[in-house]
Amino acid sequence: MTTPITPGTPIRLLLADDHPVVRAGLRAVLDTEPDFHVAAEAATAEQAVALAATGGFDVVLMDLQFGPGLHGSEATAAITSVPDAPRVLILTTYDTDADILAAVEAGAAGYLLKDAPPEELAAAVRTAAAGRSALAPAVAHRLMDRMRTPAEALTKRELEVLQLVGEGLSNLRISKKLFLSQATVKSHLVHIYAKLGVDSRTAAVAAATARRLIRR
């Protein structure tokens, strides 16, 4: 991990988002902060990983969805896996359990939603740069709910399986994608049904979507 920023030193930022308009908007907001310096932009997750590896950045603002190629969480894991890596702050529209847990496990220093006001975004960047965790209130609330009822919460693997079920994949395709046996996939589905109080794939996806556990 990068050493926390010394007070008074500009925070060097890398913006990673596949939408030029979003990047332009972020740059316009961040450029108003005297202690921020937007050093580079990346339009793909792969480009973000490559740029981050060159050094010169303190915080990466990372989207989750980039279309074909690496997912934002995968890029986050690649960036944070090396010594002296910049801190990664997820900035996304998604607040599902599946997305949040994947990002946290990947090493994200924070998780913020794109509708956050400018002052909240600036505070999160400074918090991440200082070596602390920065979570949007809604994200922190979801994590707290999981901690309060651990027996009812779907595990990260169960969320991965259910997300793929929601995308229409069969047990065989899920097993190949996640490198699991079909028996293990079926076992996960049994646990998912029990936790959600349902008895079918369709009902499980509907319930999980309604509770914002997975994306549709």
Protein backbone atom coordinates (compact mmCIF):
# COMPACT_ATOMS: atom_id res chain seq x y z
CA MET A 1 0.00 0.00 0.00
CA THR A 2 1.05 3.59 -0.60
CA THR A 3 2.33 5.54 2.38
CA PRO A 4 -0.35 7.99 3.55
CA ILE A 5 -0.01 11.45 2.01
CA THR A 6 1.92 14.10 3.90
CA PRO A 7 -0.33 17.07 4.76
CA GLY A 8 0.11 19.83 2.19
CA THR A 9 1.27 17.47 -0.58
CA PRO A 10 -1.04 17.39 -3.64
CA ILE A 11 -3.04 14.17 -3.98
CA ARG A 12 -2.34 12.72 -7.43
CA LEU A 13 -5.43 11.13 -8.98
CA LEU A 14 -6.12 8.63 -11.74
CA LEU A 15 -9.70 8.66 -13.09
CA ALA A 16 -10.83 5.28 -14.46
CA ASP A 17 -14.21 5.31 -16.20
CA ASP A 18 -15.28 4.29 -19.69
CA HIS A 19 -17.58 7.31 -20.17
CA PRO A 20 -15.75 10.47 -21.36
CA VAL A 21 -18.55 12.70 -20.06
CA VAL A 22 -18.28 11.15 -16.59
CA ARG A 23 -14.51 11.61 -16.56
CA ALA A 24 -14.90 15.23 -17.68
CA GLY A 25 -17.44 15.85 -14.94
CA LEU A 26 -15.24 14.28 -12.30
CA ARG A 27 -12.23 16.27 -13.46
CA ALA A 28 -14.25 19.50 -13.32
CA VAL A 29 -15.31 18.76 -9.73
CA LEU A 30 -11.92 17.54 -8.51
CA ASP A 31 -9.98 20.37 -10.15
CA THR A 32 -11.75 22.82 -7.84
CA GLU A 33 -9.93 21.28 -4.86
CA PRO A 34 -6.54 22.98 -4.33
CA ASP A 35 -4.92 19.83 -2.91
CA PHE A 36 -5.99 17.55 -5.80
CA HIS A 37 -4.15 16.96 -9.07
CA VAL A 38 -5.83 14.83 -11.75
CA ALA A 39 -2.71 13.29 -13.24
CA ALA A 40 -4.27 10.92 -15.79
CA GLU A 41 -7.43 9.27 -17.09
CA ALA A 42 -8.17 5.69 -18.16
CA ALA A 43 -11.04 4.61 -20.41
CA THR A 44 -10.64 0.88 -19.70
CA ALA A 45 -9.87 -1.20 -16.65
CA GLU A 46 -6.81 -2.61 -18.40
CA GLN A 47 -5.51 0.88 -19.07
CA ALA A 48 -6.08 1.80 -15.41
CA VAL A 49 -4.01 -1.17 -14.27
CA ALA A 50 -1.20 -0.31 -16.68
CA LEU A 51 -1.13 3.36 -15.68
CA ALA A 52 -1.28 2.60 -11.97
CA ALA A 53 1.74 0.31 -12.35
CA THR A 54 3.84 3.21 -13.64
CA GLY A 55 3.59 5.00 -10.30
CA GLY A 56 2.87 8.65 -9.74
CA PHE A 57 -0.64 8.20 -8.35
CA ASP A 58 -1.97 8.30 -4.81
CA VAL A 59 -5.64 7.47 -5.39
CA VAL A 60 -7.41 5.75 -8.29
CA LEU A 61 -11.11 6.55 -8.73
CA MET A 62 -12.38 3.31 -10.22
CA ASP A 63 -15.69 2.56 -11.91
CA LEU A 64 -16.95 -1.04 -11.75
CA GLN A 65 -18.49 -1.61 -15.17
CA PHE A 66 -16.28 -1.17 -18.23
CA GLY A 67 -18.04 -3.37 -20.76
CA PRO A 68 -15.93 -6.15 -22.34
CA GLY A 69 -12.69 -6.92 -20.54
CA LEU A 70 -11.71 -6.54 -16.93
CA HIS A 71 -14.32 -5.64 -14.31
CA GLY A 72 -13.50 -2.79 -11.96
CA SER A 73 -13.07 -5.17 -9.02
CA GLU A 74 -10.62 -7.28 -11.03
CA ALA A 75 -8.67 -4.16 -11.93
CA THR A 76 -8.70 -3.11 -8.27
CA ALA A 77 -7.25 -6.47 -7.22
CA ALA A 78 -4.51 -6.17 -9.86
CA ILE A 79 -3.62 -2.64 -8.78
CA THR A 80 -3.57 -3.30 -5.04
CA SER A 81 -1.63 -6.57 -5.31
CA VAL A 82 1.74 -4.86 -5.84
CA PRO A 83 3.95 -3.02 -3.30
CA ASP A 84 3.43 0.74 -2.92
CA ALA A 85 0.16 0.58 -4.84
CA PRO A 86 -2.11 3.60 -4.95
CA ARG A 87 -5.32 3.48 -2.94
CA VAL A 88 -8.38 2.56 -4.98
CA LEU A 89 -11.67 4.33 -4.34
CA ILE A 90 -14.63 2.71 -6.10
CA LEU A 91 -16.99 5.26 -7.65
CA THR A 92 -20.03 3.56 -9.15
CA THR A 93 -23.79 3.56 -9.54
CA TYR A 94 -24.12 0.04 -8.08
CA ASP A 95 -24.75 -0.60 -4.39
CA THR A 96 -25.55 -4.32 -4.39
CA ASP A 97 -24.01 -6.70 -1.86
CA ALA A 98 -22.33 -8.60 -4.70
CA ASP A 99 -20.55 -5.49 -5.99
CA ILE A 100 -19.61 -4.17 -2.56
CA LEU A 101 -18.16 -7.44 -1.29
CA ALA A 102 -16.21 -8.05 -4.50
CA ALA A 103 -14.66 -4.58 -4.31
CA VAL A 104 -13.79 -4.83 -0.61
CA GLU A 105 -12.24 -8.26 -1.10
CA ALA A 106 -10.25 -6.88 -4.05
CA GLY A 107 -8.61 -4.36 -1.76
CA ALA A 108 -10.61 -1.18 -2.38
CA ALA A 109 -9.94 1.53 0.19
CA GLY A 110 -13.42 2.94 -0.22
CA TYR A 111 -16.74 2.65 -2.00
CA LEU A 112 -18.71 5.70 -3.09
CA LEU A 113 -21.80 6.15 -5.25
CA LYS A 114 -21.79 8.49 -8.24
CA ASP A 115 -24.66 10.54 -6.87
CA ALA A 116 -22.51 11.61 -3.91
CA PRO A 117 -22.26 15.39 -3.50
CA PRO A 118 -18.90 16.98 -4.42
CA GLU A 119 -17.94 17.59 -0.79
CA GLU A 120 -18.50 13.91 0.05
CA LEU A 121 -16.39 12.84 -2.92
CA ALA A 122 -13.57 15.19 -1.93
CA ALA A 123 -13.69 13.97 1.67
CA ALA A 124 -13.58 10.33 0.53
CA VAL A 125 -10.54 11.00 -1.66
CA ARG A 126 -8.70 12.63 1.24
CA THR A 127 -9.70 9.81 3.58
CA ALA A 128 -8.43 7.16 1.15
CA ALA A 129 -5.21 9.08 0.53
CA ALA A 130 -4.64 9.25 4.28
CA GLY A 131 -4.74 5.45 4.49
CA ARG A 132 -8.23 5.11 5.94
CA SER A 133 -11.43 3.54 4.63
CA ALA A 134 -14.10 5.67 2.99
CA LEU A 135 -17.60 4.23 2.59
CA ALA A 136 -20.77 5.88 1.38
CA PRO A 137 -23.40 5.89 4.15
CA ALA A 138 -25.67 3.54 2.18
CA VAL A 139 -22.78 1.11 1.65
CA ALA A 140 -21.77 1.20 5.30
CA HIS A 141 -25.41 0.53 6.24
CA ARG A 142 -25.55 -2.54 4.01
CA LEU A 143 -22.33 -3.92 5.48
CA MET A 144 -23.64 -3.34 9.00
CA ASP A 145 -26.85 -5.18 8.16
CA ARG A 146 -24.80 -8.15 6.98
CA MET A 147 -22.85 -8.17 10.23
CA ARG A 148 -26.02 -8.03 12.32
CA THR A 149 -27.55 -11.09 10.62
CA PRO A 150 -24.62 -13.21 9.42
CA ALA A 151 -26.64 -16.44 9.31
CA GLU A 152 -29.08 -14.88 6.83
CA ALA A 153 -26.52 -13.08 4.67
CA LEU A 154 -25.41 -14.65 1.41
CA THR A 155 -21.68 -15.31 1.23
CA LYS A 156 -19.57 -13.76 -1.51
CA ARG A 157 -19.49 -17.09 -3.37
CA GLU A 158 -23.26 -17.50 -3.05
CA LEU A 159 -23.71 -13.99 -4.44
CA GLU A 160 -21.40 -14.85 -7.35
CA VAL A 161 -23.42 -17.97 -8.13
CA LEU A 162 -26.72 -16.13 -7.88
CA GLN A 163 -25.48 -13.26 -10.05
CA LEU A 164 -24.64 -15.77 -12.78
CA VAL A 165 -28.01 -17.47 -12.36
CA GLY A 166 -29.56 -14.05 -12.88
CA GLU A 167 -27.55 -13.69 -16.09
CA GLY A 168 -29.13 -16.91 -17.37
CA LEU A 169 -26.19 -19.29 -16.97
CA SER A 170 -26.83 -22.99 -16.37
CA ASN A 171 -25.25 -24.87 -13.47
CA LEU A 172 -22.72 -26.34 -15.91
CA ARG A 173 -21.67 -22.92 -17.23
CA ILE A 174 -21.52 -21.52 -13.69
CA SER A 175 -19.31 -24.39 -12.58
CA LYS A 176 -16.89 -23.75 -15.44
CA LYS A 177 -16.83 -19.99 -14.93
CA LEU A 178 -16.20 -20.22 -11.17
CA PHE A 179 -14.03 -23.38 -11.36
CA LEU A 180 -16.42 -25.34 -9.17
CA SER A 181 -18.01 -28.75 -9.52
CA GLN A 182 -21.68 -28.89 -10.49
CA ALA A 183 -22.39 -30.52 -7.13
CA THR A 184 -20.87 -27.52 -5.36
CA VAL A 185 -22.98 -25.13 -7.45
CA LYS A 186 -26.11 -27.09 -6.53
CA SER A 187 -25.09 -27.00 -2.86
CA HIS A 188 -24.71 -23.22 -3.03
CA LEU A 189 -28.16 -22.94 -4.60
CA VAL A 190 -29.70 -25.01 -1.81
CA HIS A 191 -28.19 -22.63 0.77
CA ILE A 192 -29.30 -19.59 -1.26
CA TYR A 193 -32.90 -20.86 -1.45
CA ALA A 194 -32.97 -21.48 2.30
CA LYS A 195 -31.60 -18.04 3.16
CA LEU A 196 -33.97 -16.24 0.79
CA GLY A 197 -36.97 -18.38 1.65
CA VAL A 198 -37.59 -19.43 -1.96
CA ASP A 199 -37.73 -22.69 -3.89
CA SER A 200 -36.67 -21.88 -7.44
CA ARG A 201 -34.01 -20.09 -9.46
CA THR A 202 -36.49 -17.52 -10.74
CA ALA A 203 -37.77 -16.72 -7.25
CA ALA A 204 -34.22 -16.50 -5.89
CA VAL A 205 -33.19 -14.00 -8.57
CA ALA A 206 -36.35 -11.95 -8.02
CA ALA A 207 -35.88 -11.86 -4.25
CA ALA A 208 -32.18 -11.02 -4.48
CA THR A 209 -32.82 -8.26 -7.01
CA ALA A 210 -35.54 -6.73 -4.84
CA ARG A 211 -33.17 -6.72 -1.86
CA ARG A 212 -30.34 -5.25 -3.97
CA LEU A 213 -28.13 -8.27 -3.40
CA ILE A 214 -27.36 -8.68 -7.09
CA ARG A 215 -27.71 -6.63 -10.28
CA ARG A 216 -30.17 -7.28 -13.11
